[in-house]
Amino acid sequence: MQFKGRADKHAARTEGTAPEAAFVARPLLRAGRIRQALLFIGAAVLLALAMFAAISLGAKDLTLGTVWAAVFHYDRSLMAHQIIHELRLPRVLGAAVIGAALAVAGSLIQGITRNPLGDTGVLGINAGAMFVVAVSFAFFPNLPYGTLIVLSFLGALMSTLLVFGLGASAPGGLTPMRLTVSGAVTAALLGSMTSGIAIYFDLSQDLAFWYAGGVAGIKWSQLEILAPILLIVIAWSMGLARSISLISMGDEVALNLGLNLKRIRLLGLLTVVVLAGLSVSAAGAIGFVGLVIPHIARKLIGVDYRQIVPLSALLGAVLLVLADLGARMANPPEELAIGIMVSFIGVPFFLFLARKERRDL
């Protein structure tokens, strides 16, 4: 009993002498976690509302009851159900998954390279996948979609290697600005080659969809292959997020904490290539999603990539779903390219960031 009494007195003295900061930090930490949870819940609700609006609105507006019945109690004999199930639902789901994939790819690039201008379109990765799609259409016009996915991945990998090779070969090594310039040069080169192939083989009409970008052509057969792979790779990206947070703080910090930089960068870049290649194979070369969204996520939730990556996925899905809805509603019954809608946001944002980076150099 005496020992217990002494222990209680010691505990009381210890608590009394604990730094006041500890008692202040706990509520702040709790408030920060609540805020993060609210951000994720808000983004998820916004995505659900955007998807409902995209399914409901169009050449024929549909009610909530009709949408609900078509999704959960599909009746093939009803025209409204056919419109939702066969046209709008795969299109909206495809936009959500591809938007999430492009945003996650952009966040990974920006973290790995510490380049705020990083994006699969800006760095020429989309152009590589697009070039291989053009070659496939010219020489192997009837390839199955699964084969086209593999070829798009290889094209994205080719352009990634070219971009990093060009950037690293310059005196002084690879820097964020050299990486951006190398990406622009590679995108211009591959873009001109793609245009030449399209003109020579009379593929301009066939490739117009991939040039401008869009999700109108996505079918259930494509989505059944595309969606599971992209969702698995996005989940894998979240596993890399902690390591990328350390890399984003600097190589010295990451090395001192025992991180294998080469391995993480290689895994991260392969992940980006898969996300970009698969997205281009389904929706064409849509740029700027991976540039804009990670910056918004970072502004909202901080610099920890364990939160940036999943929040980018949600916000990227929202952006592309709303961009597709805007493309359909801008001039009905005609449709604009979804890439044009995204560019209205992406181009000014890119110019702002480029100007800011130039000031910081």
Protein backbone atom coordinates (compact mmCIF):
# COMPACT_ATOMS: atom_id res chain seq x y z
CA MET A 1 0.00 0.00 0.00
CA GLN A 2 2.86 2.36 0.83
CA PHE A 3 4.42 1.65 -2.58
CA LYS A 4 1.10 2.39 -4.27
CA GLY A 5 0.78 5.65 -2.38
CA ARG A 6 4.28 6.74 -3.38
CA ALA A 7 3.58 5.82 -6.97
CA ASP A 8 0.41 7.88 -6.98
CA LYS A 9 2.27 10.87 -5.50
CA HIS A 10 5.04 10.51 -8.11
CA ALA A 11 2.49 10.35 -10.91
CA ALA A 12 0.78 13.46 -9.55
CA ARG A 13 4.08 15.35 -9.42
CA THR A 14 4.96 14.20 -12.96
CA GLU A 15 1.64 15.37 -14.33
CA GLY A 16 2.05 18.66 -12.53
CA THR A 17 5.42 19.32 -14.10
CA ALA A 18 4.47 18.25 -17.66
CA PRO A 19 4.94 21.01 -20.23
CA GLU A 20 1.85 23.04 -20.91
CA ALA A 21 2.50 22.62 -24.64
CA ALA A 22 1.50 18.95 -24.42
CA PHE A 23 -1.96 19.93 -23.17
CA VAL A 24 -2.28 22.52 -25.92
CA ALA A 25 -1.04 20.15 -28.66
CA ARG A 26 -3.62 17.43 -28.02
CA PRO A 27 -6.70 19.55 -28.81
CA LEU A 28 -4.90 21.04 -31.82
CA LEU A 29 -4.01 17.58 -33.12
CA ARG A 30 -7.57 16.43 -32.59
CA ALA A 31 -8.92 19.50 -34.38
CA GLY A 32 -6.53 18.87 -37.28
CA ARG A 33 -7.75 15.29 -37.65
CA ILE A 34 -11.37 16.42 -37.53
CA ARG A 35 -10.65 18.99 -40.24
CA GLN A 36 -8.97 16.34 -42.42
CA ALA A 37 -11.92 14.00 -41.98
CA LEU A 38 -14.35 16.78 -42.90
CA LEU A 39 -12.31 17.57 -46.02
CA PHE A 40 -12.43 13.96 -47.19
CA ILE A 41 -16.14 13.66 -46.41
CA GLY A 42 -16.83 16.93 -48.23
CA ALA A 43 -14.83 15.79 -51.28
CA ALA A 44 -16.67 12.44 -51.34
CA VAL A 45 -20.07 14.17 -51.09
CA LEU A 46 -19.06 16.61 -53.84
CA LEU A 47 -18.05 13.67 -56.06
CA ALA A 48 -21.38 11.93 -55.44
CA LEU A 49 -23.31 15.11 -56.30
CA ALA A 50 -21.20 15.70 -59.42
CA MET A 51 -21.77 12.13 -60.61
CA PHE A 52 -25.52 12.40 -60.00
CA ALA A 53 -25.66 15.69 -61.93
CA ALA A 54 -23.64 14.18 -64.80
CA ILE A 55 -25.94 11.16 -65.00
CA SER A 56 -29.13 13.22 -64.72
CA LEU A 57 -28.39 16.14 -67.04
CA GLY A 58 -27.95 16.03 -70.78
CA ALA A 59 -29.98 16.09 -73.97
CA LYS A 60 -32.69 14.41 -71.88
CA ASP A 61 -32.90 15.45 -68.22
CA LEU A 62 -33.77 12.66 -65.80
CA THR A 63 -35.12 12.70 -62.24
CA LEU A 64 -33.45 11.31 -59.11
CA GLY A 65 -36.01 8.49 -58.95
CA THR A 66 -35.30 7.47 -62.54
CA VAL A 67 -31.55 7.48 -61.97
CA TRP A 68 -31.89 5.45 -58.77
CA ALA A 69 -34.17 2.89 -60.44
CA ALA A 70 -31.89 2.58 -63.49
CA VAL A 71 -28.82 1.97 -61.31
CA PHE A 72 -30.32 -0.46 -58.79
CA HIS A 73 -33.38 -1.86 -60.61
CA TYR A 74 -32.45 -1.79 -64.27
CA ASP A 75 -35.32 -2.36 -66.70
CA ARG A 76 -34.10 -2.90 -70.25
CA SER A 77 -37.54 -2.11 -71.69
CA LEU A 78 -37.46 1.52 -70.49
CA MET A 79 -35.69 4.03 -72.76
CA ALA A 80 -34.59 6.23 -69.83
CA HIS A 81 -32.97 3.23 -68.14
CA GLN A 82 -31.14 2.35 -71.34
CA ILE A 83 -29.79 5.91 -71.66
CA ILE A 84 -28.47 5.82 -68.11
CA HIS A 85 -27.11 2.28 -68.07
CA GLU A 86 -25.62 2.05 -71.54
CA LEU A 87 -24.45 5.63 -72.16
CA ARG A 88 -24.19 7.88 -69.14
CA LEU A 89 -23.21 5.52 -66.34
CA PRO A 90 -20.05 4.05 -67.96
CA ARG A 91 -19.11 7.52 -69.17
CA VAL A 92 -19.41 9.11 -65.72
CA LEU A 93 -17.67 6.23 -63.94
CA GLY A 94 -14.89 6.34 -66.54
CA ALA A 95 -14.46 10.10 -66.03
CA ALA A 96 -14.27 9.64 -62.26
CA VAL A 97 -11.69 6.84 -62.39
CA ILE A 98 -9.53 8.53 -65.05
CA GLY A 99 -9.70 11.89 -63.27
CA ALA A 100 -8.55 10.22 -60.05
CA ALA A 101 -5.73 8.42 -61.89
CA LEU A 102 -4.41 11.57 -63.58
CA ALA A 103 -4.54 13.59 -60.35
CA VAL A 104 -2.69 10.89 -58.40
CA ALA A 105 -0.10 10.63 -61.18
CA GLY A 106 0.47 14.38 -60.99
CA SER A 107 0.83 14.34 -57.21
CA LEU A 108 3.40 11.52 -57.44
CA ILE A 109 5.43 13.36 -60.09
CA GLN A 110 5.43 16.59 -58.10
CA GLY A 111 6.54 14.76 -54.97
CA ILE A 112 9.21 12.59 -56.58
CA THR A 113 10.80 15.34 -58.66
CA ARG A 114 9.96 18.26 -56.34
CA ASN A 115 8.76 19.99 -59.50
CA PRO A 116 5.60 22.09 -58.97
CA LEU A 117 5.00 22.06 -62.75
CA GLY A 118 4.94 18.25 -62.84
CA ASP A 119 2.06 16.67 -64.79
CA THR A 120 1.75 13.76 -67.20
CA GLY A 121 0.76 16.16 -69.99
CA VAL A 122 3.34 18.85 -69.29
CA LEU A 123 6.15 16.27 -69.01
CA GLY A 124 5.27 14.58 -72.30
CA ILE A 125 4.16 11.24 -70.82
CA ASN A 126 0.70 11.48 -72.40
CA ALA A 127 2.32 12.29 -75.75
CA GLY A 128 4.26 9.02 -75.69
CA ALA A 129 1.12 6.98 -75.08
CA MET A 130 -0.67 8.96 -77.79
CA PHE A 131 2.13 8.32 -80.29
CA VAL A 132 1.90 4.57 -79.78
CA VAL A 133 -1.91 4.70 -80.16
CA ALA A 134 -1.40 6.42 -83.53
CA VAL A 135 1.14 3.80 -84.63
CA SER A 136 -1.26 1.05 -83.57
CA PHE A 137 -4.11 2.58 -85.56
CA ALA A 138 -1.88 2.91 -88.62
CA PHE A 139 -0.40 -0.62 -88.70
CA PHE A 140 -2.70 -2.72 -86.47
CA PRO A 141 -6.17 -1.15 -86.75
CA ASN A 142 -8.14 -3.99 -85.16
CA LEU A 143 -6.19 -4.55 -81.97
CA PRO A 144 -8.21 -5.59 -78.91
CA TYR A 145 -8.51 -3.05 -76.12
CA GLY A 146 -6.33 -5.07 -73.73
CA THR A 147 -3.45 -4.96 -76.21
CA LEU A 148 -3.94 -1.22 -76.72
CA ILE A 149 -3.61 -0.73 -72.94
CA VAL A 150 -0.25 -2.52 -72.93
CA LEU A 151 1.00 -0.52 -75.91
CA SER A 152 -0.11 2.75 -74.31
CA PHE A 153 1.84 1.84 -71.20
CA LEU A 154 4.95 1.14 -73.30
CA GLY A 155 4.54 4.47 -75.11
CA ALA A 156 4.25 6.33 -71.81
CA LEU A 157 7.33 4.50 -70.52
CA MET A 158 9.28 5.40 -73.67
CA SER A 159 8.50 9.11 -73.37
CA THR A 160 9.28 9.09 -69.63
CA LEU A 161 12.72 7.61 -70.25
CA LEU A 162 13.31 10.14 -73.03
CA VAL A 163 12.30 13.10 -70.84
CA PHE A 164 14.47 12.07 -67.90
CA GLY A 165 17.36 11.16 -70.20
CA LEU A 166 17.29 14.57 -71.88
CA GLY A 167 17.02 16.40 -68.57
CA ALA A 168 19.82 14.44 -66.90
CA SER A 169 22.21 14.80 -69.85
CA ALA A 170 22.43 18.58 -69.47
CA PRO A 171 25.32 20.05 -67.43
CA GLY A 172 24.35 20.31 -63.80
CA GLY A 173 22.04 17.31 -63.85
CA LEU A 174 18.29 17.07 -63.58
CA THR A 175 16.51 20.11 -62.11
CA PRO A 176 12.77 20.87 -61.99
CA MET A 177 13.06 23.50 -64.73
CA ARG A 178 15.18 21.24 -67.00
CA LEU A 179 12.64 18.47 -66.45
CA THR A 180 9.81 20.77 -67.54
CA VAL A 181 11.73 21.94 -70.64
CA SER A 182 12.63 18.34 -71.55
CA GLY A 183 8.97 17.37 -71.18
CA ALA A 184 7.86 20.22 -73.42
CA VAL A 185 10.43 19.27 -76.10
CA THR A 186 9.46 15.60 -75.94
CA ALA A 187 5.74 16.40 -76.10
CA ALA A 188 6.32 18.65 -79.14
CA LEU A 189 8.44 16.00 -80.90
CA LEU A 190 6.05 13.12 -80.28
CA GLY A 191 3.04 15.31 -81.01
CA SER A 192 4.40 16.28 -84.42
CA MET A 193 5.24 12.64 -85.20
CA THR A 194 1.71 11.61 -84.18
CA SER A 195 0.25 14.31 -86.47
CA GLY A 196 2.46 13.15 -89.33
CA ILE A 197 1.27 9.57 -88.94
CA ALA A 198 -2.34 10.71 -88.76
CA ILE A 199 -2.00 12.72 -91.98
CA TYR A 200 -0.01 10.10 -93.93
CA PHE A 201 -2.32 7.21 -93.02
CA ASP A 202 -5.50 9.33 -93.13
CA LEU A 203 -6.25 8.77 -89.44
CA SER A 204 -7.17 12.33 -88.49
CA GLN A 205 -10.82 11.46 -87.96
CA ASP A 206 -10.03 8.32 -85.97
CA LEU A 207 -7.49 10.09 -83.76
CA ALA A 208 -9.50 13.27 -83.23
CA PHE A 209 -11.05 11.79 -80.08
CA TRP A 210 -7.64 10.94 -78.58
CA TYR A 211 -6.19 14.33 -79.52
CA ALA A 212 -8.88 16.34 -77.77
CA GLY A 213 -9.59 13.87 -74.99
CA GLY A 214 -12.98 12.58 -73.96
CA VAL A 215 -14.87 9.85 -72.17
CA ALA A 216 -17.87 9.59 -74.50
CA GLY A 217 -16.53 6.41 -76.09
CA ILE A 218 -16.00 4.45 -72.86
CA LYS A 219 -18.05 1.25 -72.77
CA TRP A 220 -18.66 -1.29 -70.04
CA SER A 221 -16.28 -3.73 -71.74
CA GLN A 222 -13.45 -1.19 -71.46
CA LEU A 223 -14.39 -0.14 -67.95
CA GLU A 224 -14.29 -3.74 -66.72
CA ILE A 225 -10.60 -3.88 -67.67
CA LEU A 226 -9.63 -0.28 -66.93
CA ALA A 227 -11.30 0.47 -63.58
CA PRO A 228 -9.92 -2.44 -61.49
CA ILE A 229 -6.34 -1.86 -62.67
CA LEU A 230 -6.47 1.91 -62.06
CA LEU A 231 -8.07 1.52 -58.63
CA ILE A 232 -5.44 -1.04 -57.60
CA VAL A 233 -2.62 1.23 -58.80
CA ILE A 234 -4.15 4.23 -56.98
CA ALA A 235 -4.27 2.14 -53.79
CA TRP A 236 -0.63 1.17 -54.39
CA SER A 237 0.20 4.87 -54.76
CA MET A 238 -1.18 5.50 -51.28
CA GLY A 239 1.29 2.92 -49.99
CA LEU A 240 4.13 4.96 -51.52
CA ALA A 241 2.83 8.22 -50.06
CA ARG A 242 4.89 8.19 -46.84
CA SER A 243 8.15 7.68 -48.73
CA ILE A 244 7.25 10.40 -51.22
CA SER A 245 6.57 12.79 -48.34
CA LEU A 246 10.14 12.21 -47.18
CA ILE A 247 11.54 12.71 -50.70
CA SER A 248 9.61 15.96 -51.05
CA MET A 249 11.46 17.30 -47.99
CA GLY A 250 14.83 16.77 -49.67
CA ASP A 251 17.22 13.94 -50.53
CA GLU A 252 19.36 14.45 -47.43
CA VAL A 253 16.38 14.10 -45.09
CA ALA A 254 15.18 10.97 -46.91
CA LEU A 255 18.66 9.38 -46.89
CA ASN A 256 19.18 10.12 -43.19
CA LEU A 257 15.92 8.33 -42.45
CA GLY A 258 17.12 5.24 -44.34
CA LEU A 259 15.06 5.65 -47.51
CA ASN A 260 16.22 3.98 -50.72
CA LEU A 261 15.78 6.93 -53.07
CA LYS A 262 16.45 5.12 -56.34
CA ARG A 263 14.01 2.34 -55.52
CA ILE A 264 11.20 4.69 -54.45
CA ARG A 265 11.69 6.98 -57.44
CA LEU A 266 11.66 4.01 -59.83
CA LEU A 267 8.49 2.56 -58.27
CA GLY A 268 6.86 5.97 -58.28
CA LEU A 269 7.67 6.66 -61.92
CA LEU A 270 6.45 3.21 -62.99
CA THR A 271 3.22 3.91 -61.12
CA VAL A 272 2.85 7.24 -62.95
CA VAL A 273 3.50 5.56 -66.30
CA VAL A 274 0.80 2.93 -65.65
CA LEU A 275 -1.74 5.57 -64.59
CA ALA A 276 -0.98 7.81 -67.58
CA GLY A 277 -0.78 5.02 -70.16
CA LEU A 278 -4.09 3.45 -69.14
CA SER A 279 -5.84 6.81 -68.96
CA VAL A 280 -4.71 7.80 -72.46
CA SER A 281 -5.78 4.42 -73.87
CA ALA A 282 -9.35 5.13 -72.74
CA ALA A 283 -9.79 8.90 -72.79
CA GLY A 284 -6.99 10.34 -74.91
CA ALA A 285 -4.46 13.00 -73.96
CA ILE A 286 -6.17 15.00 -71.19
CA GLY A 287 -3.71 17.40 -69.62
CA PHE A 288 -3.57 19.68 -66.58
CA VAL A 289 -5.63 17.50 -64.19
CA GLY A 290 -2.42 16.27 -62.57
CA LEU A 291 -1.03 19.80 -62.47
CA VAL A 292 -3.94 21.65 -60.85
CA ILE A 293 -5.45 19.16 -58.43
CA PRO A 294 -2.36 18.28 -56.31
CA HIS A 295 -1.76 21.99 -55.68
CA ILE A 296 -5.35 22.42 -54.51
CA ALA A 297 -5.07 19.31 -52.29
CA ARG A 298 -1.78 20.55 -50.83
CA LYS A 299 -3.33 23.94 -50.08
CA LEU A 300 -6.30 22.33 -48.35
CA ILE A 301 -4.66 19.56 -46.34
CA GLY A 302 -0.93 20.25 -45.99
CA VAL A 303 2.28 18.67 -47.25
CA ASP A 304 1.80 15.05 -46.11
CA TYR A 305 1.36 12.88 -49.21
CA ARG A 306 -0.55 10.31 -47.17
CA GLN A 307 -3.38 12.86 -47.30
CA ILE A 308 -2.49 14.58 -50.58
CA VAL A 309 -2.72 11.40 -52.69
CA PRO A 310 -6.22 10.24 -51.62
CA LEU A 311 -7.61 13.79 -51.59
CA SER A 312 -6.14 14.35 -55.08
CA ALA A 313 -7.91 11.19 -56.25
CA LEU A 314 -11.28 12.48 -55.03
CA LEU A 315 -10.82 16.01 -56.35
CA GLY A 316 -9.45 14.76 -59.70
CA ALA A 317 -12.54 12.61 -60.11
CA VAL A 318 -14.75 15.61 -59.33
CA LEU A 319 -12.91 17.83 -61.84
CA LEU A 320 -13.14 15.40 -64.75
CA VAL A 321 -16.79 14.49 -64.08
CA LEU A 322 -17.74 18.19 -64.01
CA ALA A 323 -15.56 18.89 -67.09
CA ASP A 324 -17.39 16.15 -68.99
CA LEU A 325 -20.74 17.55 -67.85
CA GLY A 326 -19.68 21.04 -68.97
CA ALA A 327 -18.55 19.65 -72.34
CA ARG A 328 -22.00 18.14 -72.85
CA MET A 329 -23.98 21.15 -71.62
CA ALA A 330 -22.00 23.98 -73.28
CA ASN A 331 -23.62 23.63 -76.71
CA PRO A 332 -26.22 20.85 -76.71
CA PRO A 333 -26.75 18.58 -78.56
CA GLU A 334 -23.15 19.06 -79.77
CA GLU A 335 -20.29 18.26 -77.37
CA LEU A 336 -17.01 20.02 -76.73
CA ALA A 337 -13.86 18.03 -76.08
CA ILE A 338 -13.30 17.42 -72.39
CA GLY A 339 -9.65 18.42 -72.80
CA ILE A 340 -10.78 21.92 -73.82
CA MET A 341 -12.87 22.29 -70.66
CA VAL A 342 -9.97 21.25 -68.43
CA SER A 343 -7.59 23.56 -70.31
CA PHE A 344 -9.72 26.59 -69.40
CA ILE A 345 -8.57 25.99 -65.82
CA GLY A 346 -5.20 24.36 -66.47
CA VAL A 347 -3.54 26.82 -68.86
CA PRO A 348 -3.91 29.93 -66.65
CA PHE A 349 -2.86 27.86 -63.64
CA PHE A 350 0.25 26.61 -65.47
CA LEU A 351 1.21 30.14 -66.53
CA PHE A 352 0.78 31.37 -62.96
CA LEU A 353 3.00 28.59 -61.58
CA ALA A 354 5.62 29.07 -64.31
CA ARG A 355 5.79 32.79 -63.53
CA LYS A 356 6.08 32.07 -59.82
CA GLU A 357 8.88 29.54 -60.40
CA ARG A 358 10.75 32.04 -62.57
CA ARG A 359 10.60 34.61 -59.76
CA ASP A 360 11.94 32.05 -57.29
CA LEU A 361 14.97 31.09 -59.42
